[in-house]
Amino acid sequence: MNLKELTEFLIKNLVSKPDMVSVKELDDEDLVTIIVMVAKEDMGKVIGRQGKIIKAIRTLVSANAYMNNLPKVKIEINDF
């Protein structure tokens, strides 16, 4: 499972409108940027209290990248 698929899987299982989730991956030499778009009402579910949910997602995706010798990962969350 690549980084985009992993991120999409984690986010879609958190939100109430999984069909509104859009994930894009931008590759650079030293950094992979994953841009996640979710419905406005699902932003709180993705971020969590004090950002704990998004921090956990970032940790899981970063660990996956590290284990597969991929560059560092940056995850951005936006709403529609």
PDB file of N, CA and C in Angstrom:
ATOM      1  N   MET A   1       0.855  -1.172   0.000  1.00  0.00           N
ATOM      2  CA  MET A   1       0.000   0.000   0.000  1.00  0.00           C
ATOM      3  C   MET A   1       0.903   1.238   0.000  1.00  0.00           C
ATOM      4  N   ASN A   2       0.684   2.145  -0.956  1.00  0.00           N
ATOM      5  CA  ASN A   2       1.511   3.344  -0.994  1.00  0.00           C
ATOM      6  C   ASN A   2       0.983   4.397  -0.021  1.00  0.00           C
ATOM      7  N   LEU A   3       1.694   5.501   0.082  1.00  0.00           N
ATOM      8  CA  LEU A   3       1.360   6.525   1.074  1.00  0.00           C
ATOM      9  C   LEU A   3       0.001   7.162   0.813  1.00  0.00           C
ATOM     10  N   LYS A   4      -0.315   7.411  -0.442  1.00  0.00           N
ATOM     11  CA  LYS A   4      -1.602   8.017  -0.785  1.00  0.00           C
ATOM     12  C   LYS A   4      -2.758   7.090  -0.410  1.00  0.00           C
ATOM     13  N   GLU A   5      -2.627   5.812  -0.749  1.00  0.00           N
ATOM     14  CA  GLU A   5      -3.682   4.848  -0.433  1.00  0.00           C
ATOM     15  C   GLU A   5      -3.863   4.685   1.070  1.00  0.00           C
ATOM     16  N   LEU A   6      -2.761   4.656   1.805  1.00  0.00           N
ATOM     17  CA  LEU A   6      -2.838   4.532   3.262  1.00  0.00           C
ATOM     18  C   LEU A   6      -3.543   5.734   3.873  1.00  0.00           C
ATOM     19  N   THR A   7      -3.161   6.923   3.445  1.00  0.00           N
ATOM     20  CA  THR A   7      -3.792   8.142   3.963  1.00  0.00           C
ATOM     21  C   THR A   7      -5.274   8.165   3.634  1.00  0.00           C
ATOM     22  N   GLU A   8      -5.610   7.826   2.396  1.00  0.00           N
ATOM     23  CA  GLU A   8      -7.008   7.819   1.974  1.00  0.00           C
ATOM     24  C   GLU A   8      -7.817   6.806   2.785  1.00  0.00           C
ATOM     25  N   PHE A   9      -7.268   5.631   3.023  1.00  0.00           N
ATOM     26  CA  PHE A   9      -7.942   4.604   3.808  1.00  0.00           C
ATOM     27  C   PHE A   9      -8.221   5.096   5.230  1.00  0.00           C
ATOM     28  N   LEU A  10      -7.213   5.681   5.865  1.00  0.00           N
ATOM     29  CA  LEU A  10      -7.370   6.157   7.242  1.00  0.00           C
ATOM     30  C   LEU A  10      -8.414   7.273   7.334  1.00  0.00           C
ATOM     31  N   ILE A  11      -8.343   8.232   6.419  1.00  0.00           N
ATOM     32  CA  ILE A  11      -9.267   9.369   6.453  1.00  0.00           C
ATOM     33  C   ILE A  11     -10.700   8.919   6.156  1.00  0.00           C
ATOM     34  N   LYS A  12     -10.883   8.093   5.132  1.00  0.00           N
ATOM     35  CA  LYS A  12     -12.235   7.667   4.749  1.00  0.00           C
ATOM     36  C   LYS A  12     -12.921   6.881   5.855  1.00  0.00           C
ATOM     37  N   ASN A  13     -12.161   6.198   6.700  1.00  0.00           N
ATOM     38  CA  ASN A  13     -12.762   5.448   7.793  1.00  0.00           C
ATOM     39  C   ASN A  13     -13.085   6.313   8.999  1.00  0.00           C
ATOM     40  N   LEU A  14     -12.677   7.576   8.973  1.00  0.00           N
ATOM     41  CA  LEU A  14     -12.979   8.491  10.068  1.00  0.00           C
ATOM     42  C   LEU A  14     -14.195   9.369   9.801  1.00  0.00           C
ATOM     43  N   VAL A  15     -14.396   9.749   8.561  1.00  0.00           N
ATOM     44  CA  VAL A  15     -15.381  10.776   8.225  1.00  0.00           C
ATOM     45  C   VAL A  15     -16.769  10.192   8.005  1.00  0.00           C
ATOM     46  N   SER A  16     -17.777  11.071   8.063  1.00  0.00           N
ATOM     47  CA  SER A  16     -19.146  10.636   7.823  1.00  0.00           C
ATOM     48  C   SER A  16     -19.512  10.680   6.341  1.00  0.00           C
ATOM     49  N   LYS A  17     -18.734  11.419   5.536  1.00  0.00           N
ATOM     50  CA  LYS A  17     -18.966  11.490   4.091  1.00  0.00           C
ATOM     51  C   LYS A  17     -17.698  11.042   3.349  1.00  0.00           C
ATOM     52  N   PRO A  18     -17.452   9.727   3.305  1.00  0.00           N
ATOM     53  CA  PRO A  18     -16.216   9.256   2.676  1.00  0.00           C
ATOM     54  C   PRO A  18     -16.147   9.523   1.163  1.00  0.00           C
ATOM     55  N   ASP A  19     -17.299   9.677   0.523  1.00  0.00           N
ATOM     56  CA  ASP A  19     -17.280   9.961  -0.913  1.00  0.00           C
ATOM     57  C   ASP A  19     -16.812  11.386  -1.222  1.00  0.00           C
ATOM     58  N   MET A  20     -16.756  12.248  -0.216  1.00  0.00           N
ATOM     59  CA  MET A  20     -16.294  13.624  -0.386  1.00  0.00           C
ATOM     60  C   MET A  20     -14.787  13.761  -0.154  1.00  0.00           C
ATOM     61  N   VAL A  21     -14.109  12.685   0.175  1.00  0.00           N
ATOM     62  CA  VAL A  21     -12.669  12.730   0.451  1.00  0.00           C
ATOM     63  C   VAL A  21     -11.899  12.673  -0.861  1.00  0.00           C
ATOM     64  N   SER A  22     -10.955  13.602  -1.005  1.00  0.00           N
ATOM     65  CA  SER A  22     -10.081  13.633  -2.169  1.00  0.00           C
ATOM     66  C   SER A  22      -8.645  13.706  -1.681  1.00  0.00           C
ATOM     67  N   VAL A  23      -7.787  12.852  -2.224  1.00  0.00           N
ATOM     68  CA  VAL A  23      -6.388  12.801  -1.804  1.00  0.00           C
ATOM     69  C   VAL A  23      -5.494  12.940  -3.031  1.00  0.00           C
ATOM     70  N   LYS A  24      -4.550  13.885  -2.963  1.00  0.00           N
ATOM     71  CA  LYS A  24      -3.575  14.093  -4.039  1.00  0.00           C
ATOM     72  C   LYS A  24      -2.182  13.933  -3.465  1.00  0.00           C
ATOM     73  N   GLU A  25      -1.288  13.412  -4.270  1.00  0.00           N
ATOM     74  CA  GLU A  25       0.095  13.218  -3.837  1.00  0.00           C
ATOM     75  C   GLU A  25       1.016  13.991  -4.771  1.00  0.00           C
ATOM     76  N   LEU A  26       1.865  14.842  -4.194  1.00  0.00           N
ATOM     77  CA  LEU A  26       2.837  15.612  -4.953  1.00  0.00           C
ATOM     78  C   LEU A  26       4.231  15.129  -4.559  1.00  0.00           C
ATOM     79  N   ASP A  27       4.973  14.633  -5.526  1.00  0.00           N
ATOM     80  CA  ASP A  27       6.306  14.093  -5.248  1.00  0.00           C
ATOM     81  C   ASP A  27       7.377  15.128  -5.543  1.00  0.00           C
ATOM     82  N   ASP A  28       8.332  15.212  -4.655  1.00  0.00           N
ATOM     83  CA  ASP A  28       9.518  16.022  -4.828  1.00  0.00           C
ATOM     84  C   ASP A  28      10.695  15.099  -4.498  1.00  0.00           C
ATOM     85  N   GLU A  29      11.901  15.535  -4.702  1.00  0.00           N
ATOM     86  CA  GLU A  29      13.046  14.670  -4.416  1.00  0.00           C
ATOM     87  C   GLU A  29      13.158  14.336  -2.933  1.00  0.00           C
ATOM     88  N   ASP A  30      12.989  15.348  -2.080  1.00  0.00           N
ATOM     89  CA  ASP A  30      13.207  15.172  -0.642  1.00  0.00           C
ATOM     90  C   ASP A  30      11.931  15.098   0.177  1.00  0.00           C
ATOM     91  N   LEU A  31      10.774  15.325  -0.451  1.00  0.00           N
ATOM     92  CA  LEU A  31       9.529  15.440   0.304  1.00  0.00           C
ATOM     93  C   LEU A  31       8.348  14.963  -0.529  1.00  0.00           C
ATOM     94  N   VAL A  32       7.454  14.230   0.097  1.00  0.00           N
ATOM     95  CA  VAL A  32       6.184  13.848  -0.515  1.00  0.00           C
ATOM     96  C   VAL A  32       5.101  14.628   0.222  1.00  0.00           C
ATOM     97  N   THR A  33       4.325  15.414  -0.526  1.00  0.00           N
ATOM     98  CA  THR A  33       3.235  16.182   0.060  1.00  0.00           C
ATOM     99  C   THR A  33       1.922  15.511  -0.305  1.00  0.00           C
ATOM    100  N   ILE A  34       1.124  15.201   0.699  1.00  0.00           N
ATOM    101  CA  ILE A  34      -0.189  14.601   0.488  1.00  0.00           C
ATOM    102  C   ILE A  34      -1.228  15.640   0.894  1.00  0.00           C
ATOM    103  N   ILE A  35      -2.070  16.017  -0.064  1.00  0.00           N
ATOM    104  CA  ILE A  35      -3.110  17.017   0.177  1.00  0.00           C
ATOM    105  C   ILE A  35      -4.443  16.294   0.278  1.00  0.00           C
ATOM    106  N   VAL A  36      -5.112  16.461   1.408  1.00  0.00           N
ATOM    107  CA  VAL A  36      -6.383  15.795   1.676  1.00  0.00           C
ATOM    108  C   VAL A  36      -7.483  16.842   1.724  1.00  0.00           C
ATOM    109  N   MET A  37      -8.532  16.624   0.956  1.00  0.00           N
ATOM    110  CA  MET A  37      -9.705  17.497   0.967  1.00  0.00           C
ATOM    111  C   MET A  37     -10.866  16.707   1.564  1.00  0.00           C
ATOM    112  N   VAL A  38     -11.526  17.281   2.576  1.00  0.00           N
ATOM    113  CA  VAL A  38     -12.683  16.645   3.215  1.00  0.00           C
ATOM    114  C   VAL A  38     -13.816  17.659   3.296  1.00  0.00           C
ATOM    115  N   ALA A  39     -15.014  17.171   3.554  1.00  0.00           N
ATOM    116  CA  ALA A  39     -16.161  18.055   3.744  1.00  0.00           C
ATOM    117  C   ALA A  39     -15.936  18.911   4.991  1.00  0.00           C
ATOM    118  N   LYS A  40     -16.483  20.105   4.967  1.00  0.00           N
ATOM    119  CA  LYS A  40     -16.285  21.053   6.063  1.00  0.00           C
ATOM    120  C   LYS A  40     -16.721  20.479   7.411  1.00  0.00           C
ATOM    121  N   GLU A  41     -17.828  19.744   7.420  1.00  0.00           N
ATOM    122  CA  GLU A  41     -18.329  19.191   8.688  1.00  0.00           C
ATOM    123  C   GLU A  41     -17.480  18.021   9.202  1.00  0.00           C
ATOM    124  N   ASP A  42     -16.595  17.481   8.377  1.00  0.00           N
ATOM    125  CA  ASP A  42     -15.735  16.379   8.802  1.00  0.00           C
ATOM    126  C   ASP A  42     -14.350  16.828   9.264  1.00  0.00           C
ATOM    127  N   MET A  43     -14.066  18.113   9.181  1.00  0.00           N
ATOM    128  CA  MET A  43     -12.744  18.612   9.575  1.00  0.00           C
ATOM    129  C   MET A  43     -12.433  18.287  11.037  1.00  0.00           C
ATOM    130  N   GLY A  44     -13.401  18.447  11.914  1.00  0.00           N
ATOM    131  CA  GLY A  44     -13.196  18.169  13.333  1.00  0.00           C
ATOM    132  C   GLY A  44     -12.880  16.710  13.597  1.00  0.00           C
ATOM    133  N   LYS A  45     -13.510  15.813  12.833  1.00  0.00           N
ATOM    134  CA  LYS A  45     -13.256  14.383  13.006  1.00  0.00           C
ATOM    135  C   LYS A  45     -11.845  14.018  12.563  1.00  0.00           C
ATOM    136  N   VAL A  46     -11.358  14.683  11.536  1.00  0.00           N
ATOM    137  CA  VAL A  46     -10.023  14.374  11.019  1.00  0.00           C
ATOM    138  C   VAL A  46      -8.943  14.976  11.919  1.00  0.00           C
ATOM    139  N   ILE A  47      -9.190  16.188  12.405  1.00  0.00           N
ATOM    140  CA  ILE A  47      -8.183  16.859  13.230  1.00  0.00           C
ATOM    141  C   ILE A  47      -8.192  16.305  14.654  1.00  0.00           C
ATOM    142  N   GLY A  48      -9.359  16.138  15.228  1.00  0.00           N
ATOM    143  CA  GLY A  48      -9.454  15.614  16.590  1.00  0.00           C
ATOM    144  C   GLY A  48      -9.174  16.687  17.629  1.00  0.00           C
ATOM    145  N   ARG A  49      -9.370  16.345  18.879  1.00  0.00           N
ATOM    146  CA  ARG A  49      -9.112  17.295  19.962  1.00  0.00           C
ATOM    147  C   ARG A  49      -7.620  17.557  20.073  1.00  0.00           C
ATOM    148  N   GLN A  50      -7.275  18.826  20.035  1.00  0.00           N
ATOM    149  CA  GLN A  50      -5.885  19.280  20.110  1.00  0.00           C
ATOM    150  C   GLN A  50      -5.019  18.646  19.023  1.00  0.00           C
ATOM    151  N   GLY A  51      -5.638  18.240  17.908  1.00  0.00           N
ATOM    152  CA  GLY A  51      -4.884  17.707  16.776  1.00  0.00           C
ATOM    153  C   GLY A  51      -4.373  16.298  16.949  1.00  0.00           C
ATOM    154  N   LYS A  52      -4.930  15.558  17.900  1.00  0.00           N
ATOM    155  CA  LYS A  52      -4.411  14.217  18.184  1.00  0.00           C
ATOM    156  C   LYS A  52      -4.643  13.226  17.047  1.00  0.00           C
ATOM    157  N   ILE A  53      -5.778  13.309  16.372  1.00  0.00           N
ATOM    158  CA  ILE A  53      -6.079  12.356  15.297  1.00  0.00           C
ATOM    159  C   ILE A  53      -5.149  12.587  14.110  1.00  0.00           C
ATOM    160  N   ILE A  54      -5.008  13.836  13.667  1.00  0.00           N
ATOM    161  CA  ILE A  54      -4.145  14.108  12.516  1.00  0.00           C
ATOM    162  C   ILE A  54      -2.685  13.820  12.850  1.00  0.00           C
ATOM    163  N   LYS A  55      -2.281  14.041  14.090  1.00  0.00           N
ATOM    164  CA  LYS A  55      -0.913  13.698  14.493  1.00  0.00           C
ATOM    165  C   LYS A  55      -0.686  12.191  14.394  1.00  0.00           C
ATOM    166  N   ALA A  56      -1.689  11.409  14.797  1.00  0.00           N
ATOM    167  CA  ALA A  56      -1.573   9.950  14.716  1.00  0.00           C
ATOM    168  C   ALA A  56      -1.511   9.493  13.260  1.00  0.00           C
ATOM    169  N   ILE A  57      -2.323  10.114  12.396  1.00  0.00           N
ATOM    170  CA  ILE A  57      -2.299   9.768  10.972  1.00  0.00           C
ATOM    171  C   ILE A  57      -0.931  10.104  10.385  1.00  0.00           C
ATOM    172  N   ARG A  58      -0.415  11.280  10.722  1.00  0.00           N
ATOM    173  CA  ARG A  58       0.910  11.674  10.217  1.00  0.00           C
ATOM    174  C   ARG A  58       1.992  10.713  10.704  1.00  0.00           C
ATOM    175  N   THR A  59       1.882  10.261  11.949  1.00  0.00           N
ATOM    176  CA  THR A  59       2.860   9.321  12.491  1.00  0.00           C
ATOM    177  C   THR A  59       2.816   7.990  11.747  1.00  0.00           C
ATOM    178  N   LEU A  60       1.621   7.477  11.491  1.00  0.00           N
ATOM    179  CA  LEU A  60       1.481   6.206  10.774  1.00  0.00           C
ATOM    180  C   LEU A  60       2.025   6.289   9.350  1.00  0.00           C
ATOM    181  N   VAL A  61       1.685   7.365   8.658  1.00  0.00           N
ATOM    182  CA  VAL A  61       2.134   7.518   7.273  1.00  0.00           C
ATOM    183  C   VAL A  61       3.646   7.734   7.226  1.00  0.00           C
ATOM    184  N   SER A  62       4.171   8.523   8.154  1.00  0.00           N
ATOM    185  CA  SER A  62       5.620   8.754   8.205  1.00  0.00           C
ATOM    186  C   SER A  62       6.373   7.469   8.526  1.00  0.00           C
ATOM    187  N   ALA A  63       5.829   6.661   9.430  1.00  0.00           N
ATOM    188  CA  ALA A  63       6.464   5.386   9.764  1.00  0.00           C
ATOM    189  C   ALA A  63       6.465   4.451   8.560  1.00  0.00           C
ATOM    190  N   ASN A  64       5.374   4.444   7.800  1.00  0.00           N
ATOM    191  CA  ASN A  64       5.304   3.633   6.593  1.00  0.00           C
ATOM    192  C   ASN A  64       6.344   4.101   5.581  1.00  0.00           C
ATOM    193  N   ALA A  65       6.498   5.401   5.425  1.00  0.00           N
ATOM    194  CA  ALA A  65       7.497   5.945   4.500  1.00  0.00           C
ATOM    195  C   ALA A  65       8.903   5.555   4.949  1.00  0.00           C
ATOM    196  N   TYR A  66       9.170   5.660   6.228  1.00  0.00           N
ATOM    197  CA  TYR A  66      10.485   5.303   6.766  1.00  0.00           C
ATOM    198  C   TYR A  66      10.803   3.822   6.545  1.00  0.00           C
ATOM    199  N   MET A  67       9.827   2.967   6.798  1.00  0.00           N
ATOM    200  CA  MET A  67      10.037   1.528   6.652  1.00  0.00           C
ATOM    201  C   MET A  67      10.275   1.126   5.195  1.00  0.00           C
ATOM    202  N   ASN A  68       9.759   1.924   4.247  1.00  0.00           N
ATOM    203  CA  ASN A  68       9.914   1.626   2.824  1.00  0.00           C
ATOM    204  C   ASN A  68      10.982   2.487   2.157  1.00  0.00           C
ATOM    205  N   ASN A  69      11.825   3.147   2.971  1.00  0.00           N
ATOM    206  CA  ASN A  69      12.915   3.991   2.474  1.00  0.00           C
ATOM    207  C   ASN A  69      12.435   5.061   1.489  1.00  0.00           C
ATOM    208  N   LEU A  70      11.318   5.690   1.812  1.00  0.00           N
ATOM    209  CA  LEU A  70      10.759   6.774   1.004  1.00  0.00           C
ATOM    210  C   LEU A  70      11.120   8.111   1.641  1.00  0.00           C
ATOM    211  N   PRO A  71      11.003   9.206   0.884  1.00  0.00           N
ATOM    212  CA  PRO A  71      11.311  10.515   1.480  1.00  0.00           C
ATOM    213  C   PRO A  71      10.309  10.907   2.556  1.00  0.00           C
ATOM    214  N   LYS A  72      10.612  11.982   3.256  1.00  0.00           N
ATOM    215  CA  LYS A  72       9.720  12.467   4.319  1.00  0.00           C
ATOM    216  C   LYS A  72       8.358  12.836   3.753  1.00  0.00           C
ATOM    217  N   VAL A  73       7.349  12.809   4.616  1.00  0.00           N
ATOM    218  CA  VAL A  73       5.964  13.045   4.203  1.00  0.00           C
ATOM    219  C   VAL A  73       5.400  14.247   4.930  1.00  0.00           C
ATOM    220  N   LYS A  74       4.655  15.052   4.196  1.00  0.00           N
ATOM    221  CA  LYS A  74       3.929  16.189   4.761  1.00  0.00           C
ATOM    222  C   LYS A  74       2.471  16.009   4.369  1.00  0.00           C
ATOM    223  N   ILE A  75       1.559  16.086   5.340  1.00  0.00           N
ATOM    224  CA  ILE A  75       0.133  15.938   5.076  1.00  0.00           C
ATOM    225  C   ILE A  75      -0.560  17.257   5.356  1.00  0.00           C
ATOM    226  N   GLU A  76      -1.309  17.752   4.363  1.00  0.00           N
ATOM    227  CA  GLU A  76      -2.095  18.974   4.515  1.00  0.00           C
ATOM    228  C   GLU A  76      -3.568  18.618   4.450  1.00  0.00           C
ATOM    229  N   ILE A  77      -4.366  19.212   5.325  1.00  0.00           N
ATOM    230  CA  ILE A  77      -5.802  18.975   5.365  1.00  0.00           C
ATOM    231  C   ILE A  77      -6.518  20.260   4.977  1.00  0.00           C
ATOM    232  N   ASN A  78      -7.434  20.174   4.005  1.00  0.00           N
ATOM    233  CA  ASN A  78      -8.248  21.315   3.574  1.00  0.00           C
ATOM    234  C   ASN A  78      -9.689  20.880   3.511  1.00  0.00           C
ATOM    235  N   ASP A  79     -10.601  21.850   3.466  1.00  0.00           N
ATOM    236  CA  ASP A  79     -12.023  21.515   3.324  1.00  0.00           C
ATOM    237  C   ASP A  79     -12.560  22.089   2.022  1.00  0.00           C
ATOM    238  N   PHE A  80     -13.709  21.555   1.616  1.00  0.00           N
ATOM    239  CA  PHE A  80     -14.370  22.012   0.387  1.00  0.00           C
ATOM    240  C   PHE A  80     -15.130  23.278   0.649  1.00  0.00           C
TER     241      PHE A  80
END
